[in-house]
N, C-alpha and C. Protein backbone atom coordinates (compact mmCIF):
# COMPACT_ATOMS: atom_id res chain seq x y z
N GLN A 1 -8.15 7.21 16.79
CA GLN A 1 -7.19 6.15 16.54
C GLN A 1 -7.63 5.32 15.34
N VAL A 2 -6.64 4.72 14.66
CA VAL A 2 -6.88 3.92 13.48
C VAL A 2 -6.14 2.59 13.61
N GLN A 3 -6.83 1.50 13.31
CA GLN A 3 -6.22 0.18 13.23
C GLN A 3 -6.23 -0.28 11.78
N LEU A 4 -5.11 -0.84 11.30
CA LEU A 4 -4.96 -1.25 9.92
C LEU A 4 -4.55 -2.72 9.86
N VAL A 5 -5.18 -3.49 8.97
CA VAL A 5 -4.86 -4.90 8.79
C VAL A 5 -4.73 -5.19 7.30
N GLU A 6 -3.53 -5.62 6.87
CA GLU A 6 -3.28 -5.96 5.48
C GLU A 6 -3.58 -7.43 5.22
N SER A 7 -3.93 -7.74 3.97
CA SER A 7 -4.14 -9.11 3.54
C SER A 7 -3.91 -9.21 2.04
N GLY A 8 -3.79 -10.44 1.52
CA GLY A 8 -3.68 -10.67 0.10
C GLY A 8 -2.30 -11.01 -0.40
N GLY A 9 -1.29 -11.00 0.46
CA GLY A 9 0.05 -11.36 0.04
C GLY A 9 0.17 -12.84 -0.25
N GLY A 10 1.29 -13.21 -0.87
CA GLY A 10 1.52 -14.61 -1.20
C GLY A 10 2.69 -14.78 -2.15
N LEU A 11 2.78 -15.97 -2.72
CA LEU A 11 3.83 -16.32 -3.66
C LEU A 11 3.28 -16.31 -5.08
N VAL A 12 3.98 -15.64 -5.99
CA VAL A 12 3.54 -15.56 -7.38
C VAL A 12 4.77 -15.57 -8.28
N GLN A 13 4.61 -16.12 -9.49
CA GLN A 13 5.70 -16.12 -10.46
C GLN A 13 5.83 -14.75 -11.13
N ALA A 14 7.02 -14.45 -11.62
CA ALA A 14 7.25 -13.20 -12.34
C ALA A 14 6.26 -13.07 -13.48
N GLY A 15 5.70 -11.87 -13.63
CA GLY A 15 4.68 -11.62 -14.64
C GLY A 15 3.27 -11.79 -14.15
N GLY A 16 3.10 -12.35 -12.96
CA GLY A 16 1.79 -12.57 -12.40
C GLY A 16 1.25 -11.36 -11.66
N SER A 17 0.10 -11.55 -11.00
CA SER A 17 -0.59 -10.45 -10.33
C SER A 17 -1.04 -10.85 -8.93
N LEU A 18 -1.14 -9.85 -8.06
CA LEU A 18 -1.71 -9.99 -6.73
C LEU A 18 -2.48 -8.72 -6.39
N ARG A 19 -3.48 -8.84 -5.53
CA ARG A 19 -4.19 -7.68 -5.02
C ARG A 19 -4.12 -7.67 -3.51
N LEU A 20 -3.54 -6.62 -2.96
CA LEU A 20 -3.46 -6.44 -1.52
C LEU A 20 -4.62 -5.57 -1.04
N SER A 21 -5.09 -5.85 0.17
CA SER A 21 -6.15 -5.07 0.77
C SER A 21 -5.74 -4.62 2.16
N CYS A 22 -6.23 -3.46 2.56
CA CYS A 22 -5.98 -2.92 3.89
C CYS A 22 -7.31 -2.50 4.47
N ALA A 23 -7.71 -3.15 5.55
CA ALA A 23 -8.96 -2.83 6.23
C ALA A 23 -8.68 -1.90 7.40
N ALA A 24 -9.41 -0.80 7.45
CA ALA A 24 -9.21 0.22 8.48
C ALA A 24 -10.41 0.31 9.41
N SER A 25 -10.14 0.63 10.66
CA SER A 25 -11.19 0.83 11.64
C SER A 25 -10.72 1.82 12.69
N GLY A 26 -11.65 2.37 13.46
CA GLY A 26 -11.30 3.23 14.58
C GLY A 26 -11.67 4.70 14.43
N ARG A 27 -11.75 5.20 13.20
CA ARG A 27 -12.14 6.58 12.94
C ARG A 27 -12.69 6.69 11.52
N THR A 28 -13.05 7.89 11.13
CA THR A 28 -13.64 8.10 9.82
C THR A 28 -12.62 7.87 8.72
N PHE A 29 -12.73 6.72 8.04
CA PHE A 29 -11.76 6.33 7.03
C PHE A 29 -11.75 7.27 5.84
N SER A 30 -12.91 7.76 5.44
CA SER A 30 -13.01 8.56 4.22
C SER A 30 -12.25 9.88 4.31
N ASN A 31 -11.86 10.32 5.48
CA ASN A 31 -11.14 11.58 5.67
C ASN A 31 -9.63 11.41 5.77
N ILE A 32 -9.12 10.19 5.59
CA ILE A 32 -7.72 9.90 5.86
C ILE A 32 -6.94 9.66 4.57
N ASN A 33 -5.78 10.31 4.45
CA ASN A 33 -4.85 9.98 3.38
C ASN A 33 -4.21 8.62 3.66
N MET A 34 -4.07 7.80 2.61
CA MET A 34 -3.57 6.43 2.77
C MET A 34 -2.41 6.17 1.84
N GLY A 35 -1.46 5.37 2.32
CA GLY A 35 -0.30 5.02 1.52
C GLY A 35 0.07 3.55 1.65
N TRP A 36 0.80 3.06 0.65
CA TRP A 36 1.41 1.73 0.69
C TRP A 36 2.93 1.89 0.63
N PHE A 37 3.61 1.13 1.48
CA PHE A 37 5.07 1.07 1.50
C PHE A 37 5.50 -0.38 1.45
N ARG A 38 6.78 -0.60 1.17
CA ARG A 38 7.31 -1.96 1.20
C ARG A 38 8.73 -1.95 1.72
N GLN A 39 9.14 -3.09 2.27
CA GLN A 39 10.48 -3.21 2.82
C GLN A 39 11.02 -4.60 2.53
N ALA A 40 12.11 -4.66 1.78
CA ALA A 40 12.79 -5.91 1.47
C ALA A 40 13.89 -6.15 2.49
N PRO A 41 14.32 -7.41 2.68
CA PRO A 41 15.39 -7.70 3.63
C PRO A 41 16.65 -6.89 3.35
N GLY A 42 17.19 -6.23 4.37
CA GLY A 42 18.40 -5.46 4.23
C GLY A 42 18.23 -4.10 3.59
N LYS A 43 16.99 -3.70 3.31
CA LYS A 43 16.74 -2.42 2.67
C LYS A 43 15.82 -1.56 3.52
N GLU A 44 15.83 -0.26 3.26
CA GLU A 44 14.96 0.67 3.97
C GLU A 44 13.54 0.58 3.44
N ARG A 45 12.60 0.96 4.27
CA ARG A 45 11.21 1.01 3.84
C ARG A 45 11.05 2.07 2.76
N GLU A 46 10.39 1.72 1.65
CA GLU A 46 10.26 2.64 0.53
C GLU A 46 8.81 2.86 0.15
N PHE A 47 8.55 4.04 -0.38
CA PHE A 47 7.22 4.42 -0.82
C PHE A 47 6.80 3.65 -2.05
N VAL A 48 5.51 3.26 -2.10
CA VAL A 48 4.96 2.55 -3.25
C VAL A 48 3.84 3.35 -3.91
N ALA A 49 2.81 3.74 -3.14
CA ALA A 49 1.66 4.43 -3.71
C ALA A 49 0.93 5.21 -2.63
N PHE A 50 0.12 6.19 -3.08
CA PHE A 50 -0.58 7.09 -2.17
C PHE A 50 -1.91 7.50 -2.79
N VAL A 51 -2.94 7.66 -1.97
CA VAL A 51 -4.24 8.12 -2.44
C VAL A 51 -4.84 9.07 -1.42
N THR A 52 -5.42 10.17 -1.92
CA THR A 52 -6.07 11.16 -1.07
C THR A 52 -7.51 10.75 -0.78
N PRO A 53 -8.16 11.35 0.23
CA PRO A 53 -9.56 11.01 0.51
C PRO A 53 -10.53 11.74 -0.41
N TRP A 54 -11.79 11.49 -0.21
CA TRP A 54 -12.90 12.12 -0.93
C TRP A 54 -13.11 11.52 -2.31
N ARG A 55 -14.23 11.84 -2.90
CA ARG A 55 -14.64 11.23 -4.17
C ARG A 55 -13.67 11.55 -5.30
N ARG A 56 -13.25 12.81 -5.39
CA ARG A 56 -12.32 13.21 -6.44
C ARG A 56 -10.89 13.13 -5.90
N SER A 57 -10.44 11.92 -5.66
CA SER A 57 -9.13 11.70 -5.08
C SER A 57 -8.05 11.69 -6.16
N THR A 58 -6.81 11.89 -5.73
CA THR A 58 -5.65 11.81 -6.61
C THR A 58 -4.72 10.72 -6.10
N THR A 59 -3.90 10.19 -7.01
CA THR A 59 -2.99 9.11 -6.67
C THR A 59 -1.57 9.45 -7.11
N TYR A 60 -0.59 8.88 -6.41
CA TYR A 60 0.81 9.05 -6.73
C TYR A 60 1.51 7.71 -6.57
N TYR A 61 2.53 7.48 -7.42
CA TYR A 61 3.23 6.21 -7.43
C TYR A 61 4.73 6.41 -7.49
N ALA A 62 5.45 5.47 -6.91
CA ALA A 62 6.89 5.42 -7.10
C ALA A 62 7.19 5.08 -8.55
N ASP A 63 8.30 5.62 -9.07
CA ASP A 63 8.66 5.36 -10.47
C ASP A 63 8.80 3.87 -10.76
N SER A 64 9.24 3.10 -9.79
CA SER A 64 9.49 1.68 -9.98
C SER A 64 8.22 0.87 -10.22
N VAL A 65 7.04 1.41 -9.86
CA VAL A 65 5.79 0.66 -10.00
C VAL A 65 4.79 1.32 -10.94
N LYS A 66 5.10 2.48 -11.48
CA LYS A 66 4.18 3.17 -12.38
C LYS A 66 3.86 2.29 -13.59
N GLY A 67 2.57 2.24 -13.93
CA GLY A 67 2.12 1.43 -15.05
C GLY A 67 1.85 -0.01 -14.69
N ARG A 68 2.25 -0.44 -13.50
CA ARG A 68 2.05 -1.83 -13.08
C ARG A 68 1.13 -1.94 -11.86
N PHE A 69 1.22 -0.99 -10.93
CA PHE A 69 0.44 -1.02 -9.69
C PHE A 69 -0.65 0.05 -9.74
N THR A 70 -1.78 -0.24 -9.10
CA THR A 70 -2.87 0.72 -9.00
C THR A 70 -3.41 0.73 -7.57
N ILE A 71 -3.45 1.91 -6.96
CA ILE A 71 -4.02 2.07 -5.63
C ILE A 71 -5.45 2.59 -5.76
N SER A 72 -6.35 2.09 -4.92
CA SER A 72 -7.73 2.54 -4.93
C SER A 72 -8.30 2.42 -3.52
N ARG A 73 -9.44 3.09 -3.29
CA ARG A 73 -10.07 3.01 -1.98
C ARG A 73 -11.57 2.86 -2.12
N ASP A 74 -12.16 2.16 -1.16
CA ASP A 74 -13.60 1.98 -1.08
C ASP A 74 -14.02 2.49 0.29
N ASN A 75 -14.49 3.73 0.33
CA ASN A 75 -14.82 4.35 1.61
C ASN A 75 -15.99 3.67 2.31
N ALA A 76 -16.92 3.10 1.54
CA ALA A 76 -18.05 2.40 2.13
C ALA A 76 -17.60 1.17 2.91
N LYS A 77 -16.51 0.54 2.47
CA LYS A 77 -15.99 -0.66 3.12
C LYS A 77 -14.77 -0.37 3.99
N ASN A 78 -14.37 0.90 4.09
CA ASN A 78 -13.18 1.28 4.86
C ASN A 78 -11.95 0.49 4.43
N THR A 79 -11.74 0.41 3.12
CA THR A 79 -10.68 -0.42 2.56
C THR A 79 -9.88 0.34 1.52
N VAL A 80 -8.57 0.14 1.53
CA VAL A 80 -7.70 0.63 0.46
C VAL A 80 -7.02 -0.59 -0.16
N ASN A 81 -6.91 -0.61 -1.49
CA ASN A 81 -6.39 -1.76 -2.21
C ASN A 81 -5.16 -1.38 -3.02
N LEU A 82 -4.35 -2.38 -3.31
CA LEU A 82 -3.20 -2.22 -4.20
C LEU A 82 -3.19 -3.37 -5.18
N GLN A 83 -3.58 -3.09 -6.43
CA GLN A 83 -3.54 -4.08 -7.49
C GLN A 83 -2.15 -4.08 -8.10
N MET A 84 -1.48 -5.22 -8.10
CA MET A 84 -0.11 -5.35 -8.57
C MET A 84 -0.08 -6.29 -9.76
N ASN A 85 0.30 -5.77 -10.92
CA ASN A 85 0.39 -6.55 -12.15
C ASN A 85 1.83 -6.58 -12.65
N SER A 86 2.11 -7.51 -13.54
CA SER A 86 3.45 -7.65 -14.13
C SER A 86 4.53 -7.66 -13.06
N LEU A 87 4.33 -8.47 -12.05
CA LEU A 87 5.24 -8.49 -10.91
C LEU A 87 6.63 -8.98 -11.29
N LYS A 88 7.63 -8.39 -10.64
CA LYS A 88 9.03 -8.71 -10.87
C LYS A 88 9.65 -9.22 -9.58
N PRO A 89 10.74 -10.00 -9.67
CA PRO A 89 11.40 -10.47 -8.45
C PRO A 89 11.79 -9.33 -7.50
N GLU A 90 12.15 -8.17 -8.03
CA GLU A 90 12.52 -7.05 -7.18
C GLU A 90 11.35 -6.44 -6.42
N ASP A 91 10.12 -6.88 -6.72
CA ASP A 91 8.95 -6.45 -5.96
C ASP A 91 8.80 -7.24 -4.66
N THR A 92 9.60 -8.27 -4.47
CA THR A 92 9.53 -9.09 -3.26
C THR A 92 9.83 -8.24 -2.03
N ALA A 93 8.90 -8.24 -1.07
CA ALA A 93 9.04 -7.42 0.13
C ALA A 93 7.85 -7.66 1.04
N VAL A 94 7.94 -7.13 2.25
CA VAL A 94 6.77 -7.02 3.11
C VAL A 94 6.09 -5.70 2.78
N TYR A 95 4.81 -5.75 2.49
CA TYR A 95 4.06 -4.57 2.11
C TYR A 95 3.22 -4.08 3.29
N TYR A 96 3.31 -2.77 3.56
CA TYR A 96 2.64 -2.16 4.69
C TYR A 96 1.64 -1.11 4.24
N CYS A 97 0.51 -1.09 4.89
CA CYS A 97 -0.48 -0.04 4.74
C CYS A 97 -0.22 1.03 5.80
N ALA A 98 -0.33 2.30 5.43
CA ALA A 98 -0.09 3.40 6.35
C ALA A 98 -1.16 4.47 6.19
N ALA A 99 -1.45 5.18 7.28
CA ALA A 99 -2.53 6.16 7.28
C ALA A 99 -2.15 7.45 7.98
N ASP A 100 -2.75 8.55 7.52
CA ASP A 100 -2.72 9.86 8.17
C ASP A 100 -1.33 10.47 8.25
N PRO A 101 -0.73 10.83 7.11
CA PRO A 101 0.57 11.48 7.14
C PRO A 101 0.45 12.94 7.58
N SER A 102 1.51 13.43 8.22
CA SER A 102 1.55 14.82 8.65
C SER A 102 2.48 15.67 7.80
N GLY A 103 3.11 15.06 6.80
CA GLY A 103 4.03 15.75 5.92
C GLY A 103 3.97 15.19 4.52
N THR A 104 5.11 15.15 3.84
CA THR A 104 5.17 14.64 2.48
C THR A 104 4.82 13.17 2.45
N TYR A 105 3.99 12.78 1.50
CA TYR A 105 3.37 11.46 1.47
C TYR A 105 4.34 10.32 1.22
N TYR A 106 5.51 10.61 0.62
CA TYR A 106 6.46 9.56 0.26
C TYR A 106 7.47 9.26 1.36
N GLN A 107 7.37 9.94 2.49
CA GLN A 107 8.27 9.72 3.62
C GLN A 107 7.57 8.86 4.67
N PRO A 108 8.09 7.66 4.97
CA PRO A 108 7.41 6.79 5.93
C PRO A 108 7.32 7.36 7.33
N GLY A 109 8.26 8.21 7.74
CA GLY A 109 8.27 8.75 9.08
C GLY A 109 7.14 9.69 9.42
N VAL A 110 6.39 10.16 8.43
CA VAL A 110 5.33 11.13 8.68
C VAL A 110 3.97 10.47 8.91
N TYR A 111 3.85 9.17 8.75
CA TYR A 111 2.56 8.48 8.92
C TYR A 111 2.31 8.13 10.38
N LYS A 112 1.08 8.35 10.80
CA LYS A 112 0.72 8.15 12.19
C LYS A 112 0.38 6.69 12.51
N TYR A 113 -0.19 5.96 11.54
CA TYR A 113 -0.65 4.59 11.78
C TYR A 113 -0.09 3.63 10.74
N TRP A 114 0.20 2.40 11.18
CA TRP A 114 0.76 1.35 10.32
C TRP A 114 0.11 0.02 10.60
N GLY A 115 -0.03 -0.80 9.55
CA GLY A 115 -0.46 -2.17 9.72
C GLY A 115 0.71 -3.08 10.02
N GLN A 116 0.42 -4.38 10.20
CA GLN A 116 1.45 -5.36 10.53
C GLN A 116 2.26 -5.82 9.32
N GLY A 117 1.74 -5.63 8.12
CA GLY A 117 2.43 -6.01 6.90
C GLY A 117 1.99 -7.36 6.36
N THR A 118 2.14 -7.54 5.05
CA THR A 118 1.85 -8.81 4.41
C THR A 118 2.96 -9.13 3.41
N GLN A 119 3.42 -10.38 3.40
CA GLN A 119 4.57 -10.78 2.59
C GLN A 119 4.16 -11.02 1.15
N VAL A 120 4.93 -10.44 0.23
CA VAL A 120 4.78 -10.69 -1.20
C VAL A 120 6.10 -11.25 -1.72
N THR A 121 6.06 -12.43 -2.32
CA THR A 121 7.25 -13.06 -2.86
C THR A 121 7.03 -13.36 -4.34
N VAL A 122 7.94 -12.86 -5.18
CA VAL A 122 7.85 -13.05 -6.62
C VAL A 122 9.04 -13.90 -7.06
N SER A 123 8.76 -15.07 -7.60
CA SER A 123 9.80 -15.99 -8.03
C SER A 123 10.11 -15.79 -9.51
N SER A 124 11.35 -16.09 -9.89
CA SER A 124 11.77 -15.96 -11.28
C SER A 124 11.73 -17.28 -12.02
C-alpha cells in the first residue's frame, strides 16, 4: 500500500512560480511510476506530468505545461516534486499526486493511489 500527501500549493500572481511536493510512504517508492494531475471547478481531472522510477528515468508532460513545469523525484526522500514556472490563470486547480498506474500514464483511472490534493490559485 502507498500513502501520498501533497504540499506547496497557494496563491500566486500570473508569471510567478510554485513548487509542489508529494511525500510517499507504505512501500518501496523508488519502484513506482508517479504522476501529477489537476482538476479545476467544473472540469474533468487532467494529466499534467509523469516520471518513471530508477536512476535513468524519463518524463512526460501535457502540451499545456511543456516548457513551464518540471517533474522530478528524490528516491532517498520518497518525494516527487512539480516545479511550476510562468504560471497562468488557467493553471488554477487542485493538484493531485498519483502512483502506480496499470495502463497508459495520462489516464487518471489507471492509477492505484491518490493524495488528497493541494490548491493552486493563479491571479491575473
